[in-house]
Protein backbone atom coordinates (compact mmCIF):
# COMPACT_ATOMS: atom_id res chain seq x y z
CA MET A 1 87.18 84.57 16.27
CA ALA A 2 85.24 84.90 19.46
CA MET A 3 81.92 86.60 19.86
CA GLN A 4 80.44 87.86 22.99
CA ILE A 5 76.82 88.91 23.44
CA HIS A 6 75.84 91.22 26.20
CA GLY A 7 72.33 91.88 27.34
CA ASN A 8 69.38 90.40 29.12
CA TYR A 9 67.19 88.08 27.14
CA ASP A 10 63.82 86.70 28.15
CA HIS A 11 63.83 83.04 27.23
CA SER A 12 60.14 82.54 27.82
CA GLY A 13 58.73 82.26 24.27
CA THR A 14 55.21 81.57 25.44
CA ASP A 15 54.31 85.25 25.73
CA TYR A 16 55.06 85.88 22.09
CA THR A 17 53.13 82.81 20.82
CA GLU A 18 50.16 83.69 22.98
CA ARG A 19 50.13 87.24 21.67
CA VAL A 20 50.27 85.98 18.05
CA LYS A 21 47.40 83.56 18.64
CA GLU A 22 45.28 86.28 20.24
CA LYS A 23 46.02 88.64 17.37
CA GLN A 24 45.03 85.97 14.80
CA ALA A 25 41.82 85.18 16.68
CA ALA A 26 40.92 88.88 16.78
CA GLU A 27 41.58 89.19 13.02
CA ARG A 28 39.35 86.15 12.30
CA ALA A 29 36.53 87.58 14.43
CA GLU A 30 36.82 90.93 12.62
CA LYS A 31 36.69 89.21 9.20
CA ALA A 32 33.60 87.24 10.26
CA LYS A 33 31.85 90.44 11.34
CA GLU A 34 32.72 92.09 8.02
CA ALA A 35 31.36 89.09 6.12
CA GLU A 36 28.11 89.26 8.09
CA LYS A 37 27.74 92.96 7.36
CA ALA A 38 28.37 92.36 3.65
CA ALA A 39 25.76 89.61 3.58
CA GLU A 40 23.23 91.83 5.32
CA GLU A 41 23.90 94.67 2.86
CA LYS A 42 23.25 92.31 -0.06
CA ASN A 43 19.94 91.21 1.40
CA VAL A 44 18.74 94.74 2.17
CA GLY A 45 15.73 95.48 -0.03
CA LYS A 46 15.19 91.84 -0.94
CA LEU A 47 12.38 89.88 0.59
CA SER A 48 13.62 86.33 0.44
CA GLU A 49 14.99 84.02 -2.19
CA PRO A 50 12.36 82.86 -4.68
CA ARG A 51 11.24 79.30 -4.14
CA ASP A 52 9.34 76.83 -6.25
CA GLU A 53 5.74 76.37 -5.34
CA TYR A 54 2.85 74.37 -6.75
CA ILE A 55 0.15 76.32 -8.53
CA SER A 56 -2.76 74.27 -9.78
CA SER A 57 -3.84 74.69 -13.39
CA GLU A 58 -7.24 75.91 -12.25
CA LYS A 59 -5.72 78.80 -10.26
CA SER A 60 -3.20 79.76 -12.94
CA GLY A 61 -5.85 79.88 -15.66
CA GLN A 62 -3.57 78.05 -18.09
CA LYS A 63 -4.17 74.72 -19.75
CA PRO A 64 -2.29 71.99 -17.87
CA THR A 65 0.83 70.74 -19.58
CA GLY A 66 0.91 67.37 -17.82
CA LEU A 67 0.81 64.25 -19.92
CA TYR A 68 -0.89 62.07 -17.32
CA ARG A 69 -4.10 62.43 -15.38
CA VAL A 70 -6.13 60.27 -13.02
CA GLY A 71 -9.60 59.21 -14.11
CA GLN A 72 -12.00 56.31 -13.83
CA ASP A 73 -12.27 53.35 -16.16
CA GLU A 74 -15.50 51.66 -17.25
CA ASN A 75 -15.68 49.73 -13.96
CA GLY A 76 -15.29 52.84 -11.82
CA ASN A 77 -11.72 51.99 -10.79
CA ARG A 78 -9.05 54.67 -10.69
CA LYS A 79 -6.89 54.70 -13.78
CA ILE A 80 -4.09 56.89 -15.14
CA PHE A 81 -4.74 58.28 -18.62
CA PHE A 82 -2.11 59.55 -21.06
CA ASP A 83 -2.82 62.85 -22.77
CA ASP A 84 -0.82 63.06 -25.98
CA PRO A 85 0.11 66.71 -26.62
CA LYS A 86 0.79 65.92 -30.29
CA ALA A 87 -2.78 64.73 -30.87
CA GLY A 88 -4.18 68.29 -30.76
CA HIS A 89 -7.78 69.11 -31.66
CA ALA A 90 -7.79 67.41 -35.05
CA ASN A 91 -11.15 65.71 -34.55
CA GLY A 92 -12.81 68.68 -32.87
CA LYS A 93 -12.80 66.99 -29.48
CA ASP A 94 -11.00 68.00 -26.33
CA ASP A 95 -7.43 66.64 -26.00
CA ARG A 96 -8.45 64.95 -22.79
CA SER A 97 -11.25 62.94 -24.36
CA GLU A 98 -10.27 59.31 -24.02
CA GLU A 99 -13.27 57.90 -25.83
CA SER A 100 -13.17 56.92 -29.46
CA GLU A 101 -16.01 57.15 -31.99
CA ASP A 102 -17.87 54.13 -30.58
CA GLY A 103 -17.84 55.51 -27.02
CA LYS A 104 -15.26 53.04 -25.69
CA ALA A 105 -11.76 53.74 -24.45
CA PRO A 106 -9.12 53.27 -27.16
CA LYS A 107 -6.91 50.21 -27.12
CA VAL A 108 -3.18 50.78 -26.77
CA SER A 109 -1.48 49.13 -29.70
CA GLY A 110 2.22 49.63 -29.27
CA ASP A 111 4.69 52.08 -27.94
CA SER A 112 5.27 55.69 -28.93
CA GLN A 113 7.48 54.74 -31.89
CA GLY A 114 4.67 53.12 -33.84
CA LYS A 115 5.75 49.51 -33.35
CA PRO A 116 2.89 47.01 -33.12
CA ALA A 117 2.08 45.68 -29.68
CA GLU A 118 3.45 42.27 -28.79
CA LYS A 119 1.02 39.72 -27.45
CA CYS A 120 2.41 37.26 -24.95
CA VAL A 121 0.53 34.23 -23.65
CA THR A 122 1.53 32.56 -20.41
CA ASN A 123 0.63 28.91 -20.12
CA THR A 124 0.76 27.03 -16.78
CA ASP A 125 -0.81 23.79 -18.02
CA LYS A 126 2.45 21.83 -17.76
CA VAL A 127 2.98 22.93 -14.16
CA ASP A 128 -0.66 22.19 -13.30
CA ARG A 129 -0.34 18.67 -14.72
CA GLU A 130 2.83 18.11 -12.70
CA ILE A 131 1.08 19.21 -9.49
CA LYS A 132 -1.94 17.04 -10.30
CA LYS A 133 0.34 13.98 -10.72
CA LEU A 134 1.99 14.69 -7.38
CA LYS A 135 -1.41 14.92 -5.64
CA GLU A 136 -2.49 11.62 -7.20
CA LYS A 137 0.78 9.99 -6.12
CA LYS A 138 0.23 11.31 -2.58
CA GLN A 139 -3.28 9.82 -2.54
CA GLN A 140 -1.99 6.45 -3.78
CA LEU A 141 0.75 6.36 -1.13
CA GLU A 142 -1.80 7.15 1.61
CA GLN A 143 -3.99 4.29 0.39
CA GLN A 144 -1.01 1.90 0.29
CA ILE A 145 -0.09 2.84 3.87
CA GLN A 146 -3.64 2.08 5.02
CA SER A 147 -3.70 -1.27 3.21
CA ALA A 148 -0.27 -2.39 4.46
CA SER A 149 -1.22 -2.27 8.12
CA GLY A 150 0.83 -5.35 9.22
CA ASP A 151 4.24 -4.76 7.59
CA GLU A 152 6.12 -2.09 9.60
CA LYS A 153 9.11 -1.97 7.24
CA LYS A 154 6.90 -1.36 4.21
CA ILE A 155 4.89 1.29 6.09
CA ARG A 156 8.08 3.21 7.02
CA GLU A 157 9.25 3.07 3.41
CA LEU A 158 5.88 4.30 2.13
CA GLU A 159 5.78 7.07 4.75
CA LYS A 160 9.25 8.19 3.66
CA LYS A 161 8.06 8.37 0.04
CA LEU A 162 4.91 10.18 1.16
CA ALA A 163 6.99 12.78 3.05
CA GLN A 164 9.09 13.37 -0.09
CA VAL A 165 5.98 13.81 -2.24
CA GLU A 166 4.41 16.19 0.31
CA ASN A 167 7.64 18.23 0.45
CA GLU A 168 7.75 18.46 -3.35
CA LEU A 169 4.07 19.45 -3.41
CA SER A 170 4.58 22.21 -0.86
CA GLN A 171 7.39 23.63 -3.00
CA LYS A 172 5.51 23.46 -6.30
CA ASP A 173 1.87 24.13 -5.41
CA ASN A 174 2.11 27.94 -5.25
CA ASP A 175 1.82 30.92 -7.57
CA THR A 176 5.54 31.72 -7.51
CA TYR A 177 6.49 28.28 -8.83
CA ARG A 178 3.74 28.50 -11.46
CA ARG A 179 5.01 31.88 -12.69
CA GLN A 180 8.65 30.75 -12.77
CA ASN A 181 7.93 27.57 -14.71
CA ALA A 182 5.14 28.77 -16.98
CA SER A 183 5.75 28.71 -20.70
CA VAL A 184 5.53 32.08 -22.41
CA SER A 185 4.76 32.29 -26.11
CA GLU A 186 4.71 35.42 -28.24
């Protein structure tokens, strides 16, 4: 079977694709305008969205609900105090009163679960003795170098030992080493 098609056909497909793209762009622009109008209609009559803002307890007239406050300790230094909301006014004093019956600040004796406070003691005596021995050894080596003025080989050997002792001293004679090697007892 044979088929014959008569007619003039425009084979340039670019016109059609360009028209479709223009039509889609126009539709998108129209949708964007509609969305803007809808958003404006929603906001008509409203001022602006509510935002959080700080209002001090003095201005609000309410009692502050914070658990912490800044004050001064007995030496006049700044200190953060904890206000326990569960304490209430049982003793007739203000919740914020940090002084006990004897007029001194109370001692903290544990965490909030009622466990007794742990006392830890850090002892650096062992480290201090080690550093003291190294300093004495350094002094002895310096004296030996001064006394062995004629023997070059012995002087070099003593200077090498002295350099090792000085290096060890520079590593150990500081607060970081003391803290790392201190003994802690509970």
